[in-house]
Amino acid sequence: MTVRDPGNVALELERLRSTVDKGFARVDGSLALLVQRSDRTDRQCADHEQRLDNLERARWPLPSVDAQVAVAGLLLTIW
């Protein structure tokens, strides 16, 4: 077995700590980017849902207008 110099072990541990810190920083950056993209996607989905609701609200009278025209046509035909 070889005896290691305590200073050398401390240096290696410091390098290892530096590498781990850099890795965590990179992972934190990636997670922050994913959270930002998720928030943007949530906002887009909410916007699309709101626009779809507005379109559905604007469209609702069309079937009832069609029914009224059909009834009026039927009444005119009978008359």
PDB file of N, CA and C in Angstrom:
ATOM      1  N   MET A   1       0.817  -1.178   0.000  1.00  0.00           N
ATOM      2  CA  MET A   1       0.000   0.000   0.000  1.00  0.00           C
ATOM      3  C   MET A   1       0.865   1.247   0.000  1.00  0.00           C
ATOM      4  N   THR A   2       0.385   2.222  -0.746  1.00  0.00           N
ATOM      5  CA  THR A   2       1.156   3.459  -0.784  1.00  0.00           C
ATOM      6  C   THR A   2       0.564   4.446   0.205  1.00  0.00           C
ATOM      7  N   VAL A   3       1.420   5.195   0.790  1.00  0.00           N
ATOM      8  CA  VAL A   3       0.996   6.241   1.722  1.00  0.00           C
ATOM      9  C   VAL A   3       0.852   7.522   0.920  1.00  0.00           C
ATOM     10  N   ARG A   4      -0.297   8.128   1.037  1.00  0.00           N
ATOM     11  CA  ARG A   4      -0.554   9.357   0.269  1.00  0.00           C
ATOM     12  C   ARG A   4      -0.265  10.573   1.129  1.00  0.00           C
ATOM     13  N   ASP A   5       0.174  11.581   0.473  1.00  0.00           N
ATOM     14  CA  ASP A   5       0.456  12.855   1.135  1.00  0.00           C
ATOM     15  C   ASP A   5      -0.873  13.536   1.468  1.00  0.00           C
ATOM     16  N   PRO A   6      -1.102  13.942   2.713  1.00  0.00           N
ATOM     17  CA  PRO A   6      -2.374  14.587   3.065  1.00  0.00           C
ATOM     18  C   PRO A   6      -2.639  15.851   2.250  1.00  0.00           C
ATOM     19  N   GLY A   7      -1.629  16.548   1.868  1.00  0.00           N
ATOM     20  CA  GLY A   7      -1.804  17.749   1.050  1.00  0.00           C
ATOM     21  C   GLY A   7      -2.314  17.382  -0.335  1.00  0.00           C
ATOM     22  N   ASN A   8      -1.804  16.277  -0.869  1.00  0.00           N
ATOM     23  CA  ASN A   8      -2.235  15.808  -2.184  1.00  0.00           C
ATOM     24  C   ASN A   8      -3.701  15.362  -2.145  1.00  0.00           C
ATOM     25  N   VAL A   9      -4.094  14.687  -1.070  1.00  0.00           N
ATOM     26  CA  VAL A   9      -5.491  14.249  -0.912  1.00  0.00           C
ATOM     27  C   VAL A   9      -6.406  15.465  -0.830  1.00  0.00           C
ATOM     28  N   ALA A  10      -5.972  16.479  -0.075  1.00  0.00           N
ATOM     29  CA  ALA A  10      -6.773  17.697   0.051  1.00  0.00           C
ATOM     30  C   ALA A  10      -6.922  18.386  -1.304  1.00  0.00           C
ATOM     31  N   LEU A  11      -5.844  18.386  -2.090  1.00  0.00           N
ATOM     32  CA  LEU A  11      -5.891  18.991  -3.415  1.00  0.00           C
ATOM     33  C   LEU A  11      -6.861  18.232  -4.321  1.00  0.00           C
ATOM     34  N   GLU A  12      -6.825  16.920  -4.294  1.00  0.00           N
ATOM     35  CA  GLU A  12      -7.728  16.108  -5.101  1.00  0.00           C
ATOM     36  C   GLU A  12      -9.182  16.300  -4.668  1.00  0.00           C
ATOM     37  N   LEU A  13      -9.381  16.388  -3.338  1.00  0.00           N
ATOM     38  CA  LEU A  13     -10.744  16.644  -2.847  1.00  0.00           C
ATOM     39  C   LEU A  13     -11.243  18.012  -3.287  1.00  0.00           C
ATOM     40  N   GLU A  14     -10.381  18.990  -3.315  1.00  0.00           N
ATOM     41  CA  GLU A  14     -10.765  20.334  -3.766  1.00  0.00           C
ATOM     42  C   GLU A  14     -11.117  20.314  -5.249  1.00  0.00           C
ATOM     43  N   ARG A  15     -10.353  19.581  -6.044  1.00  0.00           N
ATOM     44  CA  ARG A  15     -10.666  19.461  -7.475  1.00  0.00           C
ATOM     45  C   ARG A  15     -12.012  18.748  -7.678  1.00  0.00           C
ATOM     46  N   LEU A  16     -12.211  17.704  -6.893  1.00  0.00           N
ATOM     47  CA  LEU A  16     -13.470  16.978  -6.981  1.00  0.00           C
ATOM     48  C   LEU A  16     -14.642  17.878  -6.594  1.00  0.00           C
ATOM     49  N   ARG A  17     -14.455  18.661  -5.545  1.00  0.00           N
ATOM     50  CA  ARG A  17     -15.505  19.585  -5.102  1.00  0.00           C
ATOM     51  C   ARG A  17     -15.786  20.620  -6.186  1.00  0.00           C
ATOM     52  N   SER A  18     -14.748  21.126  -6.819  1.00  0.00           N
ATOM     53  CA  SER A  18     -14.917  22.099  -7.890  1.00  0.00           C
ATOM     54  C   SER A  18     -15.689  21.487  -9.056  1.00  0.00           C
ATOM     55  N   THR A  19     -15.339  20.262  -9.400  1.00  0.00           N
ATOM     56  CA  THR A  19     -16.040  19.585 -10.501  1.00  0.00           C
ATOM     57  C   THR A  19     -17.515  19.371 -10.166  1.00  0.00           C
ATOM     58  N   VAL A  20     -17.788  18.954  -8.949  1.00  0.00           N
ATOM     59  CA  VAL A  20     -19.180  18.743  -8.519  1.00  0.00           C
ATOM     60  C   VAL A  20     -19.942  20.064  -8.509  1.00  0.00           C
ATOM     61  N   ASP A  21     -19.321  21.134  -8.027  1.00  0.00           N
ATOM     62  CA  ASP A  21     -19.977  22.450  -8.016  1.00  0.00           C
ATOM     63  C   ASP A  21     -20.311  22.913  -9.428  1.00  0.00           C
ATOM     64  N   LYS A  22     -19.388  22.713 -10.362  1.00  0.00           N
ATOM     65  CA  LYS A  22     -19.647  23.096 -11.755  1.00  0.00           C
ATOM     66  C   LYS A  22     -20.788  22.263 -12.335  1.00  0.00           C
ATOM     67  N   GLY A  23     -20.801  20.979 -12.004  1.00  0.00           N
ATOM     68  CA  GLY A  23     -21.884  20.120 -12.488  1.00  0.00           C
ATOM     69  C   GLY A  23     -23.230  20.553 -11.939  1.00  0.00           C
ATOM     70  N   PHE A  24     -23.271  20.873 -10.649  1.00  0.00           N
ATOM     71  CA  PHE A  24     -24.529  21.344 -10.055  1.00  0.00           C
ATOM     72  C   PHE A  24     -24.963  22.658 -10.680  1.00  0.00           C
ATOM     73  N   ALA A  25     -24.019  23.545 -10.948  1.00  0.00           N
ATOM     74  CA  ALA A  25     -24.364  24.829 -11.575  1.00  0.00           C
ATOM     75  C   ALA A  25     -24.957  24.586 -12.962  1.00  0.00           C
ATOM     76  N   ARG A  26     -24.382  23.661 -13.717  1.00  0.00           N
ATOM     77  CA  ARG A  26     -24.900  23.359 -15.049  1.00  0.00           C
ATOM     78  C   ARG A  26     -26.297  22.750 -14.955  1.00  0.00           C
ATOM     79  N   VAL A  27     -26.499  21.851 -13.994  1.00  0.00           N
ATOM     80  CA  VAL A  27     -27.824  21.235 -13.812  1.00  0.00           C
ATOM     81  C   VAL A  27     -28.833  22.286 -13.374  1.00  0.00           C
ATOM     82  N   ASP A  28     -28.430  23.198 -12.477  1.00  0.00           N
ATOM     83  CA  ASP A  28     -29.334  24.275 -12.060  1.00  0.00           C
ATOM     84  C   ASP A  28     -29.729  25.145 -13.245  1.00  0.00           C
ATOM     85  N   GLY A  29     -28.773  25.454 -14.094  1.00  0.00           N
ATOM     86  CA  GLY A  29     -29.079  26.253 -15.280  1.00  0.00           C
ATOM     87  C   GLY A  29     -30.048  25.537 -16.198  1.00  0.00           C
ATOM     88  N   SER A  30     -29.838  24.250 -16.384  1.00  0.00           N
ATOM     89  CA  SER A  30     -30.734  23.473 -17.244  1.00  0.00           C
ATOM     90  C   SER A  30     -32.139  23.412 -16.655  1.00  0.00           C
ATOM     91  N   LEU A  31     -32.224  23.219 -15.346  1.00  0.00           N
ATOM     92  CA  LEU A  31     -33.542  23.176 -14.696  1.00  0.00           C
ATOM     93  C   LEU A  31     -34.247  24.520 -14.787  1.00  0.00           C
ATOM     94  N   ALA A  32     -33.493  25.605 -14.623  1.00  0.00           N
ATOM     95  CA  ALA A  32     -34.090  26.936 -14.740  1.00  0.00           C
ATOM     96  C   ALA A  32     -34.639  27.148 -16.147  1.00  0.00           C
ATOM     97  N   LEU A  33     -33.904  26.692 -17.150  1.00  0.00           N
ATOM     98  CA  LEU A  33     -34.373  26.817 -18.527  1.00  0.00           C
ATOM     99  C   LEU A  33     -35.642  25.995 -18.740  1.00  0.00           C
ATOM    100  N   LEU A  34     -35.687  24.795 -18.199  1.00  0.00           N
ATOM    101  CA  LEU A  34     -36.885  23.958 -18.333  1.00  0.00           C
ATOM    102  C   LEU A  34     -38.087  24.582 -17.633  1.00  0.00           C
ATOM    103  N   VAL A  35     -37.866  25.169 -16.476  1.00  0.00           N
ATOM    104  CA  VAL A  35     -38.961  25.832 -15.758  1.00  0.00           C
ATOM    105  C   VAL A  35     -39.462  27.021 -16.565  1.00  0.00           C
ATOM    106  N   GLN A  36     -38.537  27.772 -17.155  1.00  0.00           N
ATOM    107  CA  GLN A  36     -38.930  28.921 -17.968  1.00  0.00           C
ATOM    108  C   GLN A  36     -39.743  28.475 -19.176  1.00  0.00           C
ATOM    109  N   ARG A  37     -39.315  27.421 -19.842  1.00  0.00           N
ATOM    110  CA  ARG A  37     -40.057  26.909 -20.990  1.00  0.00           C
ATOM    111  C   ARG A  37     -41.425  26.384 -20.569  1.00  0.00           C
ATOM    112  N   SER A  38     -41.483  25.738 -19.424  1.00  0.00           N
ATOM    113  CA  SER A  38     -42.759  25.223 -18.922  1.00  0.00           C
ATOM    114  C   SER A  38     -43.723  26.370 -18.626  1.00  0.00           C
ATOM    115  N   ASP A  39     -43.212  27.428 -18.015  1.00  0.00           N
ATOM    116  CA  ASP A  39     -44.059  28.592 -17.736  1.00  0.00           C
ATOM    117  C   ASP A  39     -44.581  29.214 -19.028  1.00  0.00           C
ATOM    118  N   ARG A  40     -43.707  29.309 -20.019  1.00  0.00           N
ATOM    119  CA  ARG A  40     -44.121  29.882 -21.299  1.00  0.00           C
ATOM    120  C   ARG A  40     -45.179  28.996 -21.957  1.00  0.00           C
ATOM    121  N   THR A  41     -45.003  27.696 -21.883  1.00  0.00           N
ATOM    122  CA  THR A  41     -45.981  26.770 -22.457  1.00  0.00           C
ATOM    123  C   THR A  41     -47.316  26.882 -21.724  1.00  0.00           C
ATOM    124  N   ASP A  42     -47.267  27.011 -20.401  1.00  0.00           N
ATOM    125  CA  ASP A  42     -48.505  27.180 -19.631  1.00  0.00           C
ATOM    126  C   ASP A  42     -49.236  28.459 -20.031  1.00  0.00           C
ATOM    127  N   ARG A  43     -48.478  29.541 -20.222  1.00  0.00           N
ATOM    128  CA  ARG A  43     -49.101  30.803 -20.642  1.00  0.00           C
ATOM    129  C   ARG A  43     -49.716  30.670 -22.033  1.00  0.00           C
ATOM    130  N   GLN A  44     -49.018  29.988 -22.939  1.00  0.00           N
ATOM    131  CA  GLN A  44     -49.558  29.802 -24.282  1.00  0.00           C
ATOM    132  C   GLN A  44     -50.824  28.951 -24.250  1.00  0.00           C
ATOM    133  N   CYS A  45     -50.828  27.910 -23.438  1.00  0.00           N
ATOM    134  CA  CYS A  45     -52.024  27.058 -23.327  1.00  0.00           C
ATOM    135  C   CYS A  45     -53.195  27.849 -22.760  1.00  0.00           C
ATOM    136  N   ALA A  46     -52.933  28.678 -21.757  1.00  0.00           N
ATOM    137  CA  ALA A  46     -53.999  29.500 -21.176  1.00  0.00           C
ATOM    138  C   ALA A  46     -54.520  30.495 -22.206  1.00  0.00           C
ATOM    139  N   ASP A  47     -53.619  31.085 -22.992  1.00  0.00           N
ATOM    140  CA  ASP A  47     -54.030  32.023 -24.037  1.00  0.00           C
ATOM    141  C   ASP A  47     -54.870  31.322 -25.098  1.00  0.00           C
ATOM    142  N   HIS A  48     -54.451  30.142 -25.519  1.00  0.00           N
ATOM    143  CA  HIS A  48     -55.217  29.400 -26.519  1.00  0.00           C
ATOM    144  C   HIS A  48     -56.580  28.988 -25.978  1.00  0.00           C
ATOM    145  N   GLU A  49     -56.616  28.602 -24.716  1.00  0.00           N
ATOM    146  CA  GLU A  49     -57.901  28.233 -24.099  1.00  0.00           C
ATOM    147  C   GLU A  49     -58.845  29.423 -24.069  1.00  0.00           C
ATOM    148  N   GLN A  50     -58.311  30.594 -23.738  1.00  0.00           N
ATOM    149  CA  GLN A  50     -59.133  31.802 -23.698  1.00  0.00           C
ATOM    150  C   GLN A  50     -59.633  32.151 -25.101  1.00  0.00           C
ATOM    151  N   ARG A  51     -58.766  32.046 -26.090  1.00  0.00           N
ATOM    152  CA  ARG A  51     -59.179  32.353 -27.458  1.00  0.00           C
ATOM    153  C   ARG A  51     -60.233  31.367 -27.942  1.00  0.00           C
ATOM    154  N   LEU A  52     -60.078  30.097 -27.595  1.00  0.00           N
ATOM    155  CA  LEU A  52     -61.058  29.090 -27.983  1.00  0.00           C
ATOM    156  C   LEU A  52     -62.408  29.356 -27.320  1.00  0.00           C
ATOM    157  N   ASP A  53     -62.375  29.734 -26.046  1.00  0.00           N
ATOM    158  CA  ASP A  53     -63.623  30.076 -25.355  1.00  0.00           C
ATOM    159  C   ASP A  53     -64.316  31.257 -26.031  1.00  0.00           C
ATOM    160  N   ASN A  54     -63.537  32.257 -26.422  1.00  0.00           N
ATOM    161  CA  ASN A  54     -64.115  33.419 -27.105  1.00  0.00           C
ATOM    162  C   ASN A  54     -64.744  33.020 -28.436  1.00  0.00           C
ATOM    163  N   LEU A  55     -64.071  32.137 -29.176  1.00  0.00           N
ATOM    164  CA  LEU A  55     -64.639  31.674 -30.447  1.00  0.00           C
ATOM    165  C   LEU A  55     -65.921  30.884 -30.234  1.00  0.00           C
ATOM    166  N   GLU A  56     -65.943  30.051 -29.216  1.00  0.00           N
ATOM    167  CA  GLU A  56     -67.148  29.266 -28.934  1.00  0.00           C
ATOM    168  C   GLU A  56     -68.297  30.167 -28.527  1.00  0.00           C
ATOM    169  N   ARG A  57     -68.018  31.204 -27.738  1.00  0.00           N
ATOM    170  CA  ARG A  57     -69.064  32.136 -27.326  1.00  0.00           C
ATOM    171  C   ARG A  57     -69.608  32.911 -28.519  1.00  0.00           C
ATOM    172  N   ALA A  58     -68.734  33.275 -29.438  1.00  0.00           N
ATOM    173  CA  ALA A  58     -69.169  34.051 -30.602  1.00  0.00           C
ATOM    174  C   ALA A  58     -69.954  33.178 -31.579  1.00  0.00           C
ATOM    175  N   ARG A  59     -69.777  31.888 -31.551  1.00  0.00           N
ATOM    176  CA  ARG A  59     -70.404  30.988 -32.516  1.00  0.00           C
ATOM    177  C   ARG A  59     -71.773  30.470 -32.062  1.00  0.00           C
ATOM    178  N   TRP A  60     -72.103  30.543 -30.781  1.00  0.00           N
ATOM    179  CA  TRP A  60     -73.303  29.879 -30.273  1.00  0.00           C
ATOM    180  C   TRP A  60     -74.593  30.316 -30.946  1.00  0.00           C
ATOM    181  N   PRO A  61     -74.786  31.566 -31.387  1.00  0.00           N
ATOM    182  CA  PRO A  61     -76.094  31.923 -31.971  1.00  0.00           C
ATOM    183  C   PRO A  61     -76.327  31.317 -33.355  1.00  0.00           C
ATOM    184  N   LEU A  62     -75.305  30.875 -34.046  1.00  0.00           N
ATOM    185  CA  LEU A  62     -75.486  30.381 -35.414  1.00  0.00           C
ATOM    186  C   LEU A  62     -76.453  29.207 -35.520  1.00  0.00           C
ATOM    187  N   PRO A  63     -76.355  28.179 -34.709  1.00  0.00           N
ATOM    188  CA  PRO A  63     -77.347  27.089 -34.830  1.00  0.00           C
ATOM    189  C   PRO A  63     -78.774  27.553 -34.533  1.00  0.00           C
ATOM    190  N   SER A  64     -78.936  28.452 -33.568  1.00  0.00           N
ATOM    191  CA  SER A  64     -80.290  28.923 -33.263  1.00  0.00           C
ATOM    192  C   SER A  64     -80.819  29.799 -34.396  1.00  0.00           C
ATOM    193  N   VAL A  65     -79.966  30.572 -35.047  1.00  0.00           N
ATOM    194  CA  VAL A  65     -80.400  31.371 -36.196  1.00  0.00           C
ATOM    195  C   VAL A  65     -80.813  30.447 -37.339  1.00  0.00           C
ATOM    196  N   ASP A  66     -80.031  29.388 -37.547  1.00  0.00           N
ATOM    197  CA  ASP A  66     -80.390  28.412 -38.581  1.00  0.00           C
ATOM    198  C   ASP A  66     -81.751  27.792 -38.298  1.00  0.00           C
ATOM    199  N   ALA A  67     -82.002  27.449 -37.050  1.00  0.00           N
ATOM    200  CA  ALA A  67     -83.286  26.846 -36.685  1.00  0.00           C
ATOM    201  C   ALA A  67     -84.426  27.836 -36.912  1.00  0.00           C
ATOM    202  N   GLN A  68     -84.219  29.091 -36.567  1.00  0.00           N
ATOM    203  CA  GLN A  68     -85.252  30.100 -36.758  1.00  0.00           C
ATOM    204  C   GLN A  68     -85.557  30.313 -38.245  1.00  0.00           C
ATOM    205  N   VAL A  69     -84.511  30.317 -39.065  1.00  0.00           N
ATOM    206  CA  VAL A  69     -84.716  30.476 -40.506  1.00  0.00           C
ATOM    207  C   VAL A  69     -85.484  29.269 -41.062  1.00  0.00           C
ATOM    208  N   ALA A  70     -85.157  28.086 -40.580  1.00  0.00           N
ATOM    209  CA  ALA A  70     -85.852  26.886 -41.049  1.00  0.00           C
ATOM    210  C   ALA A  70     -87.325  26.922 -40.669  1.00  0.00           C
ATOM    211  N   VAL A  71     -87.615  27.339 -39.446  1.00  0.00           N
ATOM    212  CA  VAL A  71     -89.018  27.430 -39.001  1.00  0.00           C
ATOM    213  C   VAL A  71     -89.747  28.484 -39.803  1.00  0.00           C
ATOM    214  N   ALA A  72     -89.082  29.616 -40.040  1.00  0.00           N
ATOM    215  CA  ALA A  72     -89.725  30.671 -40.836  1.00  0.00           C
ATOM    216  C   ALA A  72     -89.993  30.185 -42.258  1.00  0.00           C
ATOM    217  N   GLY A  73     -89.062  29.461 -42.843  1.00  0.00           N
ATOM    218  CA  GLY A  73     -89.261  28.916 -44.176  1.00  0.00           C
ATOM    219  C   GLY A  73     -90.421  27.928 -44.205  1.00  0.00           C
ATOM    220  N   LEU A  74     -90.492  27.098 -43.171  1.00  0.00           N
ATOM    221  CA  LEU A  74     -91.588  26.130 -43.082  1.00  0.00           C
ATOM    222  C   LEU A  74     -92.920  26.843 -42.952  1.00  0.00           C
ATOM    223  N   LEU A  75     -92.977  27.882 -42.132  1.00  0.00           N
ATOM    224  CA  LEU A  75     -94.226  28.633 -41.962  1.00  0.00           C
ATOM    225  C   LEU A  75     -94.631  29.332 -43.240  1.00  0.00           C
ATOM    226  N   LEU A  76     -93.670  29.878 -43.974  1.00  0.00           N
ATOM    227  CA  LEU A  76     -93.973  30.528 -45.244  1.00  0.00           C
ATOM    228  C   LEU A  76     -94.452  29.519 -46.275  1.00  0.00           C
ATOM    229  N   THR A  77     -93.871  28.323 -46.243  1.00  0.00           N
ATOM    230  CA  THR A  77     -94.297  27.277 -47.171  1.00  0.00           C
ATOM    231  C   THR A  77     -95.725  26.853 -46.872  1.00  0.00           C
ATOM    232  N   ILE A  78     -96.022  26.712 -45.594  1.00  0.00           N
ATOM    233  CA  ILE A  78     -97.388  26.305 -45.207  1.00  0.00           C
ATOM    234  C   ILE A  78     -98.387  27.416 -45.521  1.00  0.00           C
ATOM    235  N   TRP A  79     -98.015  28.631 -45.327  1.00  0.00           N
ATOM    236  CA  TRP A  79     -98.907  29.766 -45.569  1.00  0.00           C
ATOM    237  C   TRP A  79     -99.167  29.927 -47.029  1.00  0.00           C
TER     238      TRP A  79
END
